[in-house]
Amino acid sequence: ILQVREDSQDRMSNDDKDNFRSYGHDLSLIKDDRIKALHSYWLSIHNGDTLPSRRQIDPLQFPKGVIGYVSMFDVIDDGKGGYRIPFRIAGTMAYGHNVRLKNIQGRELHEVLMPNEAGPTVRDWSIAVRTRRPVAATGTAFWFQFGPRPWEAIALPLSSDGETVDILLTARVPLGE
């Protein structure tokens, strides 16, 4: 099981750095209008210091062209200072090549993505969990239904109690589409 600890000092190889670049909390770096619009939607249901909940999410209100790329992940405290982040719902456009092969609900990212994609993604998303703030990233090659493409992604924290992040609403979209 891929787990990330707060004290993890894992470093990415040069190949990983070529395939994954974290924007961290600097969302001004986002280029894709769908990702920007999904972030704006999240902000519209965000109430001050209280995080939005899964129940507040209305897929009918998602920005045009993003729903097939949206996924939700459970955030489970492993009791050792880290998190497990299994799929709750997988966007069929983003993870469709794996959805056809197997049911990925409940599976960890490392069971679906290549290690050079899964490790950096979970490290980045763990920042969103710890800080309770969105993070974004980009990369040069991710396998969408129609083949590998440059991509951009965002992870938006959700909370059933308004404080503790227990779900991540994410989107990973191909660039130049």
C-alpha atoms as a PDB file:
ATOM      1  CA  ILE A   1       0.000   0.000   0.000  1.00  0.00           C
ATOM      2  CA  LEU A   2       1.400   3.366  -0.976  1.00  0.00           C
ATOM      3  CA  GLN A   3       1.521   5.538   2.089  1.00  0.00           C
ATOM      4  CA  VAL A   4       2.963   8.969   2.611  1.00  0.00           C
ATOM      5  CA  ARG A   5       4.182  10.212   5.949  1.00  0.00           C
ATOM      6  CA  GLU A   6       4.412  13.852   6.952  1.00  0.00           C
ATOM      7  CA  ASP A   7       8.122  13.403   7.668  1.00  0.00           C
ATOM      8  CA  SER A   8       8.781  11.722   4.320  1.00  0.00           C
ATOM      9  CA  GLN A   9      11.873  13.075   2.624  1.00  0.00           C
ATOM     10  CA  ASP A  10      11.415  11.090  -0.582  1.00  0.00           C
ATOM     11  CA  ARG A  11      13.056  12.719  -3.544  1.00  0.00           C
ATOM     12  CA  MET A  12      11.946  12.327  -7.140  1.00  0.00           C
ATOM     13  CA  SER A  13      14.351  11.004  -9.763  1.00  0.00           C
ATOM     14  CA  ASN A  14      15.128  13.162 -12.783  1.00  0.00           C
ATOM     15  CA  ASP A  15      12.571  11.157 -14.805  1.00  0.00           C
ATOM     16  CA  ASP A  16       9.919  11.861 -12.162  1.00  0.00           C
ATOM     17  CA  LYS A  17      10.729  15.572 -12.236  1.00  0.00           C
ATOM     18  CA  ASP A  18      10.279  15.554 -16.014  1.00  0.00           C
ATOM     19  CA  ASN A  19       6.870  13.859 -15.679  1.00  0.00           C
ATOM     20  CA  PHE A  20       5.572  15.734 -12.627  1.00  0.00           C
ATOM     21  CA  ARG A  21       5.878  19.358 -11.538  1.00  0.00           C
ATOM     22  CA  SER A  22       4.026  20.502  -8.458  1.00  0.00           C
ATOM     23  CA  TYR A  23       2.564  23.998  -8.416  1.00  0.00           C
ATOM     24  CA  GLY A  24       1.908  23.482  -4.712  1.00  0.00           C
ATOM     25  CA  HIS A  25      -0.511  26.135  -3.513  1.00  0.00           C
ATOM     26  CA  ASP A  26       0.425  28.582  -6.305  1.00  0.00           C
ATOM     27  CA  LEU A  27      -2.777  28.157  -8.300  1.00  0.00           C
ATOM     28  CA  SER A  28      -1.922  31.204 -10.421  1.00  0.00           C
ATOM     29  CA  LEU A  29       0.258  28.798 -12.443  1.00  0.00           C
ATOM     30  CA  ILE A  30      -2.788  26.835 -13.653  1.00  0.00           C
ATOM     31  CA  LYS A  31      -3.242  27.191 -17.411  1.00  0.00           C
ATOM     32  CA  ASP A  32      -6.284  25.004 -18.158  1.00  0.00           C
ATOM     33  CA  ASP A  33      -9.636  26.823 -18.004  1.00  0.00           C
ATOM     34  CA  ARG A  34     -11.455  23.664 -16.821  1.00  0.00           C
ATOM     35  CA  ILE A  35      -9.159  23.339 -13.806  1.00  0.00           C
ATOM     36  CA  LYS A  36      -9.515  27.059 -13.042  1.00  0.00           C
ATOM     37  CA  ALA A  37     -13.315  26.767 -13.277  1.00  0.00           C
ATOM     38  CA  LEU A  38     -13.417  23.706 -10.991  1.00  0.00           C
ATOM     39  CA  HIS A  39     -11.363  25.635  -8.433  1.00  0.00           C
ATOM     40  CA  SER A  40     -13.804  28.563  -8.729  1.00  0.00           C
ATOM     41  CA  TYR A  41     -16.705  26.160  -8.161  1.00  0.00           C
ATOM     42  CA  TRP A  42     -14.971  24.806  -5.017  1.00  0.00           C
ATOM     43  CA  LEU A  43     -14.431  28.381  -3.796  1.00  0.00           C
ATOM     44  CA  SER A  44     -18.140  29.111  -4.335  1.00  0.00           C
ATOM     45  CA  ILE A  45     -19.102  26.361  -1.860  1.00  0.00           C
ATOM     46  CA  HIS A  46     -16.219  27.083   0.534  1.00  0.00           C
ATOM     47  CA  ASN A  47     -17.332  29.003   3.624  1.00  0.00           C
ATOM     48  CA  GLY A  48     -14.449  30.869   5.277  1.00  0.00           C
ATOM     49  CA  ASP A  49     -12.354  28.474   7.364  1.00  0.00           C
ATOM     50  CA  THR A  50     -14.903  25.662   7.029  1.00  0.00           C
ATOM     51  CA  LEU A  51     -14.117  23.244   4.212  1.00  0.00           C
ATOM     52  CA  PRO A  52     -16.908  22.164   1.872  1.00  0.00           C
ATOM     53  CA  SER A  53     -18.270  18.636   2.235  1.00  0.00           C
ATOM     54  CA  ARG A  54     -18.939  15.918  -0.306  1.00  0.00           C
ATOM     55  CA  ARG A  55     -22.666  16.522   0.195  1.00  0.00           C
ATOM     56  CA  GLN A  56     -22.255  20.081  -1.090  1.00  0.00           C
ATOM     57  CA  ILE A  57     -20.782  18.821  -4.367  1.00  0.00           C
ATOM     58  CA  ASP A  58     -23.244  18.960  -7.264  1.00  0.00           C
ATOM     59  CA  PRO A  59     -21.775  17.413 -10.440  1.00  0.00           C
ATOM     60  CA  LEU A  60     -24.426  19.242 -12.479  1.00  0.00           C
ATOM     61  CA  GLN A  61     -22.690  22.471 -11.439  1.00  0.00           C
ATOM     62  CA  PHE A  62     -19.233  21.327 -12.577  1.00  0.00           C
ATOM     63  CA  PRO A  63     -17.664  23.420 -15.325  1.00  0.00           C
ATOM     64  CA  LYS A  64     -18.276  22.301 -18.901  1.00  0.00           C
ATOM     65  CA  GLY A  65     -15.891  19.623 -20.123  1.00  0.00           C
ATOM     66  CA  VAL A  66     -14.477  18.566 -16.750  1.00  0.00           C
ATOM     67  CA  ILE A  67     -16.818  15.890 -15.350  1.00  0.00           C
ATOM     68  CA  GLY A  68     -15.176  12.930 -17.111  1.00  0.00           C
ATOM     69  CA  TYR A  69     -11.839  13.940 -15.596  1.00  0.00           C
ATOM     70  CA  VAL A  70     -13.093  14.384 -12.012  1.00  0.00           C
ATOM     71  CA  SER A  71     -12.299  11.768  -9.364  1.00  0.00           C
ATOM     72  CA  MET A  72     -12.830  11.527  -5.626  1.00  0.00           C
ATOM     73  CA  PHE A  73     -10.439   9.906  -3.198  1.00  0.00           C
ATOM     74  CA  ASP A  74     -10.982   8.926   0.410  1.00  0.00           C
ATOM     75  CA  VAL A  75      -8.357  10.199   2.838  1.00  0.00           C
ATOM     76  CA  ILE A  76      -7.619   7.703   5.584  1.00  0.00           C
ATOM     77  CA  ASP A  77      -5.282   8.499   8.467  1.00  0.00           C
ATOM     78  CA  ASP A  78      -2.953   5.530   8.793  1.00  0.00           C
ATOM     79  CA  GLY A  79      -2.309   6.269  12.491  1.00  0.00           C
ATOM     80  CA  LYS A  80       1.420   6.626  11.802  1.00  0.00           C
ATOM     81  CA  GLY A  81       1.563  10.228  10.594  1.00  0.00           C
ATOM     82  CA  GLY A  82       0.600   9.393   7.008  1.00  0.00           C
ATOM     83  CA  TYR A  83      -2.401   8.819   4.802  1.00  0.00           C
ATOM     84  CA  ARG A  84      -3.870   6.190   2.559  1.00  0.00           C
ATOM     85  CA  ILE A  85      -5.660   7.741  -0.441  1.00  0.00           C
ATOM     86  CA  PRO A  86      -7.822   5.132  -2.233  1.00  0.00           C
ATOM     87  CA  PHE A  87     -10.183   5.832  -5.136  1.00  0.00           C
ATOM     88  CA  ARG A  88     -13.811   6.486  -4.238  1.00  0.00           C
ATOM     89  CA  ILE A  89     -14.926   7.456  -7.770  1.00  0.00           C
ATOM     90  CA  ALA A  90     -12.697   7.509 -10.859  1.00  0.00           C
ATOM     91  CA  GLY A  91     -13.187   9.859 -13.804  1.00  0.00           C
ATOM     92  CA  THR A  92     -13.598   7.662 -16.858  1.00  0.00           C
ATOM     93  CA  MET A  93     -11.752  10.051 -19.176  1.00  0.00           C
ATOM     94  CA  ALA A  94      -8.760  10.334 -16.840  1.00  0.00           C
ATOM     95  CA  TYR A  95      -8.530   6.741 -15.611  1.00  0.00           C
ATOM     96  CA  GLY A  96     -10.671   5.001 -18.245  1.00  0.00           C
ATOM     97  CA  HIS A  97      -7.861   2.824 -19.540  1.00  0.00           C
ATOM     98  CA  ASN A  98      -7.707   1.243 -16.085  1.00  0.00           C
ATOM     99  CA  VAL A  99     -11.459   1.274 -15.415  1.00  0.00           C
ATOM    100  CA  ARG A 100     -11.969  -1.080 -18.356  1.00  0.00           C
ATOM    101  CA  LEU A 101      -9.350  -3.482 -17.054  1.00  0.00           C
ATOM    102  CA  LYS A 102     -10.473  -3.603 -13.435  1.00  0.00           C
ATOM    103  CA  ASN A 103     -12.716  -1.973 -10.897  1.00  0.00           C
ATOM    104  CA  ILE A 104     -10.516   0.667  -9.286  1.00  0.00           C
ATOM    105  CA  GLN A 105     -12.891   1.819  -6.561  1.00  0.00           C
ATOM    106  CA  GLY A 106     -11.074   1.324  -3.249  1.00  0.00           C
ATOM    107  CA  ARG A 107      -7.717   0.764  -4.925  1.00  0.00           C
ATOM    108  CA  GLU A 108      -4.654   2.844  -4.144  1.00  0.00           C
ATOM    109  CA  LEU A 109      -3.022   5.060  -6.776  1.00  0.00           C
ATOM    110  CA  HIS A 110       0.050   2.810  -6.985  1.00  0.00           C
ATOM    111  CA  GLU A 111      -2.235   0.002  -8.180  1.00  0.00           C
ATOM    112  CA  VAL A 112      -3.472   2.129 -11.068  1.00  0.00           C
ATOM    113  CA  LEU A 113      -0.668   4.543 -11.964  1.00  0.00           C
ATOM    114  CA  MET A 114       2.974   3.945 -12.741  1.00  0.00           C
ATOM    115  CA  PRO A 115       5.272   4.484  -9.711  1.00  0.00           C
ATOM    116  CA  ASN A 116       6.759   7.654 -11.227  1.00  0.00           C
ATOM    117  CA  GLU A 117       3.192   9.073 -11.363  1.00  0.00           C
ATOM    118  CA  ALA A 118       1.710   7.639  -8.152  1.00  0.00           C
ATOM    119  CA  GLY A 119       4.458   8.640  -5.697  1.00  0.00           C
ATOM    120  CA  PRO A 120       4.652  12.335  -6.610  1.00  0.00           C
ATOM    121  CA  THR A 121       0.865  12.584  -6.883  1.00  0.00           C
ATOM    122  CA  VAL A 122       0.283  11.197  -3.393  1.00  0.00           C
ATOM    123  CA  ARG A 123       3.060  13.387  -1.961  1.00  0.00           C
ATOM    124  CA  ASP A 124       1.420  16.460  -3.518  1.00  0.00           C
ATOM    125  CA  TRP A 125      -2.091  15.519  -2.420  1.00  0.00           C
ATOM    126  CA  SER A 126      -0.875  14.890   1.122  1.00  0.00           C
ATOM    127  CA  ILE A 127       0.077  18.565   1.230  1.00  0.00           C
ATOM    128  CA  ALA A 128      -3.553  19.439   0.448  1.00  0.00           C
ATOM    129  CA  VAL A 129      -4.677  17.159   3.281  1.00  0.00           C
ATOM    130  CA  ARG A 130      -2.262  18.590   5.860  1.00  0.00           C
ATOM    131  CA  THR A 131      -2.758  22.251   4.906  1.00  0.00           C
ATOM    132  CA  ARG A 132      -6.480  22.007   4.045  1.00  0.00           C
ATOM    133  CA  ARG A 133      -5.729  24.014   0.885  1.00  0.00           C
ATOM    134  CA  PRO A 134      -5.872  23.080  -2.818  1.00  0.00           C
ATOM    135  CA  VAL A 135      -2.738  22.032  -4.673  1.00  0.00           C
ATOM    136  CA  ALA A 136      -2.108  21.732  -8.395  1.00  0.00           C
ATOM    137  CA  ALA A 137       0.471  20.110 -10.636  1.00  0.00           C
ATOM    138  CA  THR A 138       1.395  19.477 -14.251  1.00  0.00           C
ATOM    139  CA  GLY A 139       3.257  16.796 -16.138  1.00  0.00           C
ATOM    140  CA  THR A 140       4.474  15.781 -19.546  1.00  0.00           C
ATOM    141  CA  ALA A 141       2.851  12.385 -20.059  1.00  0.00           C
ATOM    142  CA  PHE A 142      -0.194  10.765 -18.487  1.00  0.00           C
ATOM    143  CA  TRP A 143      -2.126   7.970 -20.167  1.00  0.00           C
ATOM    144  CA  PHE A 144      -5.656   9.178 -20.890  1.00  0.00           C
ATOM    145  CA  GLN A 145      -8.188   7.074 -22.828  1.00  0.00           C
ATOM    146  CA  PHE A 146      -6.695   8.307 -26.083  1.00  0.00           C
ATOM    147  CA  GLY A 147      -3.018   7.977 -25.215  1.00  0.00           C
ATOM    148  CA  PRO A 148      -0.301   9.829 -23.312  1.00  0.00           C
ATOM    149  CA  ARG A 149      -0.658  13.598 -23.153  1.00  0.00           C
ATOM    150  CA  PRO A 150       0.678  16.544 -21.164  1.00  0.00           C
ATOM    151  CA  TRP A 151      -1.686  17.221 -18.276  1.00  0.00           C
ATOM    152  CA  GLU A 152      -2.656  19.552 -15.470  1.00  0.00           C
ATOM    153  CA  ALA A 153      -4.372  18.579 -12.207  1.00  0.00           C
ATOM    154  CA  ILE A 154      -5.850  19.948  -9.014  1.00  0.00           C
ATOM    155  CA  ALA A 155      -6.715  18.408  -5.645  1.00  0.00           C
ATOM    156  CA  LEU A 156      -9.447  20.155  -3.648  1.00  0.00           C
ATOM    157  CA  PRO A 157      -9.942  19.169   0.015  1.00  0.00           C
ATOM    158  CA  LEU A 158     -13.395  18.241   1.318  1.00  0.00           C
ATOM    159  CA  SER A 159     -14.458  17.558   4.899  1.00  0.00           C
ATOM    160  CA  SER A 160     -17.524  15.942   6.445  1.00  0.00           C
ATOM    161  CA  ASP A 161     -16.984  17.948   9.660  1.00  0.00           C
ATOM    162  CA  GLY A 162     -15.695  21.157   8.046  1.00  0.00           C
ATOM    163  CA  GLU A 163     -12.217  20.713   9.554  1.00  0.00           C
ATOM    164  CA  THR A 164     -10.611  17.329   8.866  1.00  0.00           C
ATOM    165  CA  VAL A 165      -9.957  16.488   5.227  1.00  0.00           C
ATOM    166  CA  ASP A 166     -11.545  13.117   4.516  1.00  0.00           C
ATOM    167  CA  ILE A 167     -12.061  13.346   0.734  1.00  0.00           C
ATOM    168  CA  LEU A 168     -10.120  14.917  -2.121  1.00  0.00           C
ATOM    169  CA  LEU A 169     -12.015  16.127  -5.163  1.00  0.00           C
ATOM    170  CA  THR A 170      -9.531  15.977  -8.013  1.00  0.00           C
ATOM    171  CA  ALA A 171      -9.350  16.575 -11.745  1.00  0.00           C
ATOM    172  CA  ARG A 172      -6.549  15.670 -14.138  1.00  0.00           C
ATOM    173  CA  VAL A 173      -7.093  16.970 -17.653  1.00  0.00           C
ATOM    174  CA  PRO A 174      -5.075  16.738 -20.877  1.00  0.00           C
ATOM    175  CA  LEU A 175      -3.613  20.037 -22.000  1.00  0.00           C
ATOM    176  CA  GLY A 176      -4.103  21.381 -25.488  1.00  0.00           C
ATOM    177  CA  GLU A 177      -7.535  19.861 -25.956  1.00  0.00           C
END
